[in-house]
Protein backbone atom coordinates (compact mmCIF):
# COMPACT_ATOMS: atom_id res chain seq x y z
CA MET A 1 -9.59 -0.80 16.95
CA SER A 2 -10.91 1.54 14.95
CA GLU A 3 -8.49 4.99 14.23
CA THR A 4 -9.46 8.59 13.67
CA ILE A 5 -8.22 10.31 10.38
CA SER A 6 -7.46 13.82 11.30
CA ASN A 7 -9.74 16.16 8.65
CA GLY A 8 -10.42 12.12 6.75
CA LYS A 9 -7.26 13.36 4.88
CA LEU A 10 -4.74 10.11 4.03
CA ILE A 11 -2.49 12.43 2.99
CA ASP A 12 -1.27 13.76 6.14
CA SER A 13 -1.76 10.81 8.13
CA ILE A 14 1.38 9.36 7.31
CA ASN A 15 5.31 10.89 7.46
CA TYR A 16 7.91 9.64 5.39
CA GLN A 17 10.92 8.91 6.89
CA ASN A 18 14.51 8.77 4.97
CA GLY A 19 15.64 5.16 4.00
CA SER A 20 12.17 3.72 5.22
CA ILE A 21 8.70 2.16 4.57
CA VAL A 22 6.56 3.35 7.79
CA SER A 23 2.91 1.88 8.21
CA ARG A 24 -0.03 2.64 10.43
CA GLN A 25 -3.18 0.32 10.82
CA ILE A 26 -5.99 2.21 10.20
CA LEU A 27 -8.52 -0.96 11.10
CA LYS A 28 -8.28 -4.90 11.74
CA LYS A 29 -10.83 -7.19 11.19
CA THR A 30 -10.70 -11.12 11.28
CA ASN A 31 -12.09 -10.98 7.44
CA GLY A 32 -9.45 -8.27 7.28
CA ASN A 33 -7.56 -4.58 7.37
CA ILE A 34 -6.68 -1.88 5.94
CA THR A 35 -3.21 -0.60 6.18
CA LEU A 36 -1.65 3.06 5.78
CA PHE A 37 1.85 3.25 4.11
CA ALA A 38 4.42 6.01 3.13
CA PHE A 39 8.06 5.04 1.38
CA ASP A 40 10.79 6.83 0.68
CA LYS A 41 11.54 6.51 -2.73
CA ASP A 42 13.11 3.51 -4.09
CA GLU A 43 11.91 1.44 -0.83
CA SER A 44 10.62 -2.06 -1.78
CA LEU A 45 9.26 -4.91 -0.41
CA THR A 46 10.21 -7.98 -1.80
CA GLU A 47 7.79 -10.35 -3.98
CA HIS A 48 5.19 -12.26 -1.81
CA THR A 49 2.28 -13.93 -2.15
CA SER A 50 -0.97 -13.41 0.43
CA PRO A 51 -3.87 -15.53 0.97
CA PHE A 52 -6.26 -11.79 0.85
CA GLU A 53 -7.83 -10.26 -1.57
CA ALA A 54 -5.81 -6.93 -1.87
CA VAL A 55 -6.52 -3.56 -3.47
CA VAL A 56 -4.35 -0.59 -3.62
CA TYR A 57 -5.13 3.22 -2.97
CA MET A 58 -2.44 5.06 -4.28
CA VAL A 59 -2.45 8.15 -1.60
CA ASP A 60 0.23 9.91 -3.10
CA GLY A 61 3.38 9.58 -5.11
CA GLU A 62 3.96 6.81 -7.89
CA MET A 63 5.50 2.64 -7.71
CA GLU A 64 5.54 -0.02 -9.57
CA ILE A 65 4.07 -3.15 -8.66
CA ARG A 66 4.70 -6.56 -10.08
CA ILE A 67 1.82 -8.96 -10.00
CA ASP A 68 3.29 -12.90 -11.20
CA GLY A 69 6.11 -11.04 -12.77
CA ASN A 70 3.87 -8.52 -14.63
CA PRO A 71 4.53 -4.89 -13.93
CA HIS A 72 1.87 -2.28 -13.49
CA GLN A 73 2.88 2.17 -12.90
CA ILE A 74 0.02 3.45 -10.82
CA ARG A 75 -0.02 6.68 -9.61
CA ALA A 76 -2.12 9.18 -6.92
CA GLY A 77 -5.51 8.41 -7.21
CA GLU A 78 -5.50 5.20 -9.30
CA ILE A 79 -6.25 1.52 -7.56
CA LEU A 80 -5.07 -2.34 -8.55
CA ILE A 81 -6.66 -4.84 -7.40
CA MET A 82 -3.81 -7.71 -6.58
CA PRO A 83 -5.28 -11.65 -6.67
CA PRO A 84 -4.68 -13.59 -3.47
CA ASP A 85 -2.07 -16.50 -3.89
CA VAL A 86 -0.25 -14.98 -6.81
CA PRO A 87 3.22 -13.61 -6.49
CA HIS A 88 3.87 -9.64 -6.04
CA GLY A 89 5.95 -7.02 -4.81
CA LEU A 90 6.47 -3.46 -5.10
CA LYS A 91 9.13 -0.15 -5.36
CA ALA A 92 8.26 3.53 -5.11
CA THR A 93 9.21 5.03 -8.19
CA VAL A 94 9.10 8.52 -6.20
CA LYS A 95 8.33 9.20 -2.11
CA SER A 96 4.81 7.32 -2.23
CA LYS A 97 2.05 6.78 -0.10
CA MET A 98 -0.60 4.13 -0.18
CA LEU A 99 -3.85 2.74 1.27
CA LEU A 100 -3.88 -1.50 1.66
CA THR A 101 -7.10 -3.14 2.12
CA MET A 102 -6.73 -6.89 2.71
CA ILE A 103 -10.03 -8.96 2.17
CA LYS A 104 -10.20 -12.76 3.59
């Protein structure tokens, strides 16, 4: 099922919540999904792996994303491709919103 994003503006489609990570699934299919996230400053996802190839698009803010131990700074308007089965984790250095597309 897909959802309509109001006026097509991702940045307005999810709100920050103090001390939390908020997510909103936009599309879910058998071969992948698209999820919008809002991270409060200093919120993080610990290192993990995924069997999916993933594309991170930064809608707002800035994050440090570590892929196989190597840090990558990604800012609003930038994308980062993460390979499958490689350890990765992230931390929002400021309040941040990202769109995550995962593909099997």
